[in-house]
Amino acid sequence: MRLTRKISARLSAHRRSRFAGPAVLLVALLTTGGLYVALSPASAEKTADSTSEIAKGKALFLVGCASCHGKNGEGILTERGNQYGPSLAGVGAAAVDFQVGTGRMPMAQPGSQALRKRVVYTQDEIDALGAFVASLAPGPSVPAADEYEAKTDDPEAVSRGGEFFRTNCTACHNFAGSGGALPQGKFAPSLVGVSEKHLFEAMLTGPQQMPVFSNEVLSPQDKQDIISYLKKNEDTPSYGGFTLGSIGPVAEGMFAWLTLAVVVGAGIWITSQTARSKKTKKGDVA
């Protein structure tokens, strides 16, 4: 009992010391830091890897992208105030993966629309570019495979995706996803043959004139259903025969009229070439 009282008295005396507060704070900081290092070594390693990836991406960016988008992705304006290359702050790694992964970037020269072409960078380089652009400001990240994988064998997913697509996408991309013309020399590209990941990223980031369908507007599940609908259409054969590119009723109607004109013209020409009776002299056979 006396021992307990002596210990309590000593502790009370030390608590009154001016060094007690800083000592307790120092012990708490050391304990917290030690626990963090002990319990999260993978996180520290990941941070180092991310820093290296960002540095690699910046080196690639300065060579292939800075001439249009600026050294720090701030964008470049022309002397007339037009946008030569837009700012990339906030577009996220998903926009980089789509634009560079489809060959649209880097552009050969400025134009009304970036065209899909051969991909210049490897996937590792694209990931590094995405890491650098993502470090500029928060933005959409590259989706995981389970978010965009098409479920063509799920009739409900395909049906829901068809409803979303007809409501939000057919005005530009047409009912079959074949694309269509837009003002000022632009166009909505065909969605046939586009990878599932790039379809998801296009909806998520809204490249060029396309609206942005963020996860708050169309949930990841909604996007996946739309992809399921598009891929199901690709897998379904054309039971009606020649599709004419599925461009729409205008092209189909024009083809029908041209075909009808050819048939009528051929009929007139055939009837004009039939044998005709001729007047002959008496005794001759016509």
Protein backbone atom coordinates (compact mmCIF):
# COMPACT_ATOMS: atom_id res chain seq x y z
CA MET A 1 0.00 0.00 0.00
CA ARG A 2 2.84 2.36 0.97
CA LEU A 3 4.66 1.47 -2.28
CA THR A 4 1.60 2.38 -4.33
CA ARG A 5 1.33 5.72 -2.56
CA LYS A 6 5.00 6.49 -3.16
CA ILE A 7 4.65 5.73 -6.89
CA SER A 8 1.54 7.90 -7.14
CA ALA A 9 3.31 10.72 -5.35
CA ARG A 10 6.28 10.56 -7.73
CA LEU A 11 4.02 10.53 -10.79
CA SER A 12 2.11 13.52 -9.45
CA ALA A 13 5.37 15.36 -8.91
CA HIS A 14 6.59 14.60 -12.44
CA ARG A 15 3.27 15.68 -13.98
CA ARG A 16 3.78 19.11 -12.50
CA SER A 17 7.17 19.42 -14.20
CA ARG A 18 7.43 21.75 -17.21
CA PHE A 19 8.98 18.92 -19.25
CA ALA A 20 6.05 16.55 -18.74
CA GLY A 21 3.90 17.83 -21.62
CA PRO A 22 6.63 17.81 -24.29
CA ALA A 23 7.82 14.39 -23.13
CA VAL A 24 4.35 12.88 -23.42
CA LEU A 25 3.90 14.48 -26.89
CA LEU A 26 7.27 13.13 -28.03
CA VAL A 27 6.41 9.61 -26.85
CA ALA A 28 3.02 9.78 -28.60
CA LEU A 29 4.59 10.91 -31.87
CA LEU A 30 7.25 8.23 -31.77
CA THR A 31 4.64 5.56 -31.02
CA THR A 32 2.34 6.73 -33.84
CA GLY A 33 5.21 6.91 -36.35
CA GLY A 34 6.49 3.49 -35.37
CA LEU A 35 3.05 1.92 -35.76
CA TYR A 36 2.57 3.58 -39.16
CA VAL A 37 5.91 2.30 -40.48
CA ALA A 38 5.27 -1.17 -39.07
CA LEU A 39 1.72 -1.54 -40.38
CA SER A 40 1.92 0.15 -43.80
CA PRO A 41 5.22 -0.65 -45.57
CA ALA A 42 3.37 -1.41 -48.81
CA SER A 43 1.85 2.09 -48.87
CA ALA A 44 5.26 3.70 -48.54
CA GLU A 45 6.60 1.55 -51.36
CA LYS A 46 3.58 2.42 -53.51
CA THR A 47 4.19 6.14 -52.97
CA ALA A 48 7.78 5.76 -54.14
CA ASP A 49 6.62 3.86 -57.21
CA SER A 50 4.00 6.52 -57.96
CA THR A 51 6.62 9.27 -57.74
CA SER A 52 8.83 7.39 -60.19
CA GLU A 53 5.89 6.84 -62.55
CA ILE A 54 4.94 10.52 -62.45
CA ALA A 55 8.53 11.52 -63.25
CA LYS A 56 8.61 9.10 -66.19
CA GLY A 57 5.27 10.44 -67.43
CA LYS A 58 6.43 14.04 -67.20
CA ALA A 59 9.52 13.25 -69.29
CA LEU A 60 7.30 11.70 -71.98
CA PHE A 61 4.85 14.61 -71.72
CA LEU A 62 7.53 17.24 -72.28
CA VAL A 63 8.61 15.51 -75.49
CA GLY A 64 5.27 14.56 -77.05
CA CYS A 65 2.56 16.78 -75.52
CA ALA A 66 3.95 20.03 -74.11
CA SER A 67 4.09 21.78 -77.50
CA CYS A 68 0.27 21.91 -77.51
CA HIS A 69 -0.72 21.54 -73.84
CA GLY A 70 2.09 23.48 -72.15
CA LYS A 71 4.91 22.23 -69.97
CA ASN A 72 2.64 21.79 -66.97
CA GLY A 73 -0.54 20.85 -68.83
CA GLU A 74 -1.91 24.39 -68.44
CA GLY A 75 -2.92 24.67 -72.10
CA ILE A 76 -1.77 27.10 -74.81
CA LEU A 77 -3.68 29.96 -76.42
CA THR A 78 -3.02 31.37 -79.88
CA GLU A 79 -2.41 35.06 -80.60
CA ARG A 80 -6.10 35.43 -81.49
CA GLY A 81 -7.13 33.94 -78.16
CA ASN A 82 -8.19 30.60 -79.55
CA GLN A 83 -7.30 27.43 -77.73
CA TYR A 84 -4.33 25.69 -79.34
CA GLY A 85 -4.24 22.92 -76.76
CA PRO A 86 -6.67 22.68 -73.80
CA SER A 87 -5.64 22.52 -70.16
CA LEU A 88 -5.34 18.97 -68.84
CA ALA A 89 -5.87 19.81 -65.19
CA GLY A 90 -8.70 17.63 -63.90
CA VAL A 91 -9.14 15.39 -66.96
CA GLY A 92 -7.65 12.45 -65.07
CA ALA A 93 -5.80 9.33 -66.13
CA ALA A 94 -8.93 7.93 -67.82
CA ALA A 95 -8.90 10.70 -70.45
CA VAL A 96 -5.21 10.04 -71.19
CA ASP A 97 -5.80 6.29 -71.47
CA PHE A 98 -8.62 6.91 -73.97
CA GLN A 99 -7.04 9.65 -76.09
CA VAL A 100 -3.54 8.16 -76.27
CA GLY A 101 -4.71 4.54 -76.20
CA THR A 102 -6.84 5.05 -79.32
CA GLY A 103 -4.13 6.96 -81.18
CA ARG A 104 -6.06 10.23 -81.18
CA MET A 105 -3.23 11.84 -79.28
CA PRO A 106 -0.73 13.09 -80.06
CA MET A 107 -2.33 14.79 -83.08
CA ALA A 108 -0.30 15.07 -86.26
CA GLN A 109 -1.61 18.62 -86.67
CA PRO A 110 -4.41 20.73 -85.13
CA GLY A 111 -7.83 20.12 -86.68
CA SER A 112 -11.54 20.17 -86.03
CA GLN A 113 -11.40 16.66 -84.60
CA ALA A 114 -8.74 14.19 -83.51
CA LEU A 115 -8.96 11.04 -85.63
CA ARG A 116 -8.35 7.51 -84.45
CA LYS A 117 -5.03 6.19 -85.76
CA ARG A 118 -2.14 3.90 -84.92
CA VAL A 119 -1.14 4.04 -81.24
CA VAL A 120 2.29 5.65 -80.73
CA TYR A 121 2.99 4.78 -77.08
CA THR A 122 3.16 1.45 -75.27
CA GLN A 123 0.67 0.72 -72.49
CA ASP A 124 3.35 1.30 -69.83
CA GLU A 125 4.10 4.71 -71.32
CA ILE A 126 0.39 5.53 -71.48
CA ASP A 127 0.06 4.60 -67.79
CA ALA A 128 2.99 6.88 -66.95
CA LEU A 129 1.46 9.78 -68.91
CA GLY A 130 -1.82 9.17 -67.10
CA ALA A 131 -0.07 9.24 -63.72
CA PHE A 132 1.54 12.60 -64.54
CA VAL A 133 -1.72 14.17 -65.77
CA ALA A 134 -3.57 12.77 -62.74
CA SER A 135 -1.01 14.49 -60.48
CA LEU A 136 -1.98 17.91 -61.90
CA ALA A 137 -5.46 17.85 -60.36
CA PRO A 138 -8.03 15.25 -59.25
CA GLY A 139 -9.86 13.57 -62.14
CA PRO A 140 -11.42 10.27 -63.30
CA SER A 141 -9.11 7.28 -62.93
CA VAL A 142 -8.80 4.35 -65.31
CA PRO A 143 -11.71 1.96 -64.58
CA ALA A 144 -11.17 -1.58 -63.34
CA ALA A 145 -11.92 -4.49 -65.68
CA ASP A 146 -14.97 -5.62 -63.71
CA GLU A 147 -16.56 -2.19 -64.25
CA TYR A 148 -16.60 -2.26 -68.06
CA GLU A 149 -16.66 -5.96 -68.96
CA ALA A 150 -19.69 -6.57 -71.23
CA LYS A 151 -22.40 -8.96 -70.04
CA THR A 152 -23.84 -9.98 -73.40
CA ASP A 153 -25.34 -13.14 -71.92
CA ASP A 154 -27.48 -11.14 -69.47
CA PRO A 155 -30.75 -10.17 -71.26
CA GLU A 156 -31.73 -7.67 -68.56
CA ALA A 157 -28.38 -5.85 -68.77
CA VAL A 158 -28.62 -5.70 -72.57
CA SER A 159 -32.21 -4.43 -72.38
CA ARG A 160 -31.35 -1.71 -69.84
CA GLY A 161 -28.32 -0.71 -71.88
CA GLY A 162 -30.45 -0.40 -75.01
CA GLU A 163 -32.82 1.97 -73.22
CA PHE A 164 -29.97 4.15 -71.95
CA PHE A 165 -28.29 4.16 -75.38
CA ARG A 166 -31.44 5.10 -77.29
CA THR A 167 -32.13 7.89 -74.79
CA ASN A 168 -28.66 9.43 -74.54
CA CYS A 169 -26.54 8.36 -77.52
CA THR A 170 -28.53 7.73 -80.72
CA ALA A 171 -28.87 11.43 -81.58
CA CYS A 172 -25.17 11.44 -82.51
CA HIS A 173 -24.05 7.82 -82.83
CA ASN A 174 -27.23 6.51 -84.54
CA PHE A 175 -29.36 3.57 -83.35
CA ALA A 176 -26.72 0.96 -84.29
CA GLY A 177 -23.69 2.91 -83.04
CA SER A 178 -22.46 3.51 -86.59
CA GLY A 179 -21.74 7.20 -86.00
CA GLY A 180 -22.99 10.29 -87.78
CA ALA A 181 -22.19 13.79 -89.03
CA LEU A 182 -22.05 16.85 -86.75
CA PRO A 183 -21.70 20.60 -87.47
CA GLN A 184 -18.41 22.38 -88.29
CA GLY A 185 -16.73 19.38 -89.88
CA LYS A 186 -16.99 17.16 -86.82
CA PHE A 187 -18.59 13.76 -86.52
CA ALA A 188 -19.61 11.14 -83.98
CA PRO A 189 -17.34 8.14 -84.59
CA SER A 190 -18.54 4.59 -85.08
CA LEU A 191 -18.66 2.53 -81.89
CA VAL A 192 -18.30 -0.78 -83.72
CA GLY A 193 -15.06 -2.53 -82.80
CA VAL A 194 -14.17 -0.12 -79.98
CA SER A 195 -12.82 -1.88 -76.89
CA GLU A 196 -15.00 -2.11 -73.79
CA LYS A 197 -12.54 -0.09 -71.70
CA HIS A 198 -12.38 2.74 -74.22
CA LEU A 199 -16.19 2.85 -74.46
CA PHE A 200 -16.39 3.25 -70.68
CA GLU A 201 -13.67 5.93 -70.64
CA ALA A 202 -15.36 7.87 -73.46
CA MET A 203 -18.59 8.08 -71.47
CA LEU A 204 -16.68 8.93 -68.30
CA THR A 205 -14.52 11.73 -69.75
CA GLY A 206 -16.51 13.12 -72.72
CA PRO A 207 -13.79 13.45 -75.37
CA GLN A 208 -14.00 16.43 -77.73
CA GLN A 209 -17.66 17.35 -78.47
CA MET A 210 -19.13 14.41 -76.53
CA PRO A 211 -20.93 15.25 -73.25
CA VAL A 212 -19.39 14.04 -69.99
CA PHE A 213 -21.44 11.23 -68.43
CA SER A 214 -19.83 11.15 -65.00
CA ASN A 215 -20.64 8.43 -62.50
CA GLU A 216 -23.14 10.82 -60.92
CA VAL A 217 -25.01 11.14 -64.24
CA LEU A 218 -24.67 7.54 -65.45
CA SER A 219 -23.57 5.09 -62.79
CA PRO A 220 -20.81 2.57 -63.59
CA GLN A 221 -23.55 -0.08 -63.81
CA ASP A 222 -25.44 1.99 -66.39
CA LYS A 223 -22.27 2.39 -68.47
CA GLN A 224 -21.61 -1.34 -68.28
CA ASP A 225 -25.16 -2.04 -69.47
CA ILE A 226 -24.69 0.28 -72.47
CA ILE A 227 -21.45 -1.53 -73.34
CA SER A 228 -23.29 -4.86 -73.05
CA TYR A 229 -25.94 -3.60 -75.50
CA LEU A 230 -23.35 -2.40 -78.03
CA LYS A 231 -21.34 -5.62 -77.89
CA LYS A 232 -24.51 -7.70 -78.20
CA ASN A 233 -25.38 -5.76 -81.36
CA GLU A 234 -21.93 -6.52 -82.77
CA ASP A 235 -22.38 -10.23 -82.11
CA THR A 236 -25.90 -10.35 -83.64
CA PRO A 237 -25.91 -11.20 -87.38
CA SER A 238 -27.88 -9.09 -89.86
CA TYR A 239 -30.91 -11.24 -90.59
CA GLY A 240 -32.24 -8.70 -93.10
CA GLY A 241 -29.26 -8.97 -95.41
CA PHE A 242 -27.12 -6.06 -96.61
CA THR A 243 -27.04 -3.39 -93.86
CA LEU A 244 -25.69 -0.48 -95.95
CA GLY A 245 -23.49 0.31 -92.99
CA SER A 246 -26.53 0.80 -90.73
CA ILE A 247 -26.31 4.52 -91.47
CA GLY A 248 -30.07 5.04 -91.26
CA PRO A 249 -33.29 5.52 -93.25
CA VAL A 250 -32.00 8.37 -95.43
CA ALA A 251 -29.25 6.22 -96.95
CA GLU A 252 -31.57 3.22 -97.22
CA GLY A 253 -34.28 5.31 -98.91
CA MET A 254 -31.78 6.79 -101.36
CA PHE A 255 -30.50 3.32 -102.20
CA ALA A 256 -34.09 2.15 -102.80
CA TRP A 257 -34.81 5.07 -105.15
CA LEU A 258 -31.59 4.56 -107.08
CA THR A 259 -32.30 0.86 -107.42
CA LEU A 260 -35.83 1.61 -108.64
CA ALA A 261 -34.49 4.13 -111.18
CA VAL A 262 -32.00 1.55 -112.51
CA VAL A 263 -34.73 -1.09 -112.84
CA VAL A 264 -37.10 1.30 -114.66
CA GLY A 265 -34.30 2.50 -116.94
CA ALA A 266 -33.30 -1.09 -117.75
CA GLY A 267 -36.92 -1.96 -118.56
CA ILE A 268 -37.27 0.99 -120.93
CA TRP A 269 -34.02 0.11 -122.67
CA ILE A 270 -35.03 -3.55 -123.09
CA THR A 271 -38.41 -2.71 -124.58
CA SER A 272 -36.84 -0.21 -126.99
CA GLN A 273 -34.60 -2.96 -128.43
CA THR A 274 -37.38 -5.44 -129.42
CA ALA A 275 -37.85 -6.39 -133.10
CA ARG A 276 -40.13 -4.05 -135.05
CA SER A 277 -42.09 -4.77 -138.27
CA LYS A 278 -40.94 -2.83 -141.34
CA LYS A 279 -42.75 -2.00 -144.56
CA THR A 280 -41.30 -3.88 -147.54
CA LYS A 281 -41.93 -4.08 -151.23
CA LYS A 282 -44.67 -6.28 -152.48
CA GLY A 283 -43.55 -9.87 -152.52
CA ASP A 284 -40.78 -9.39 -149.96
CA VAL A 285 -41.03 -10.86 -146.54
CA ALA A 286 -40.78 -8.43 -143.67
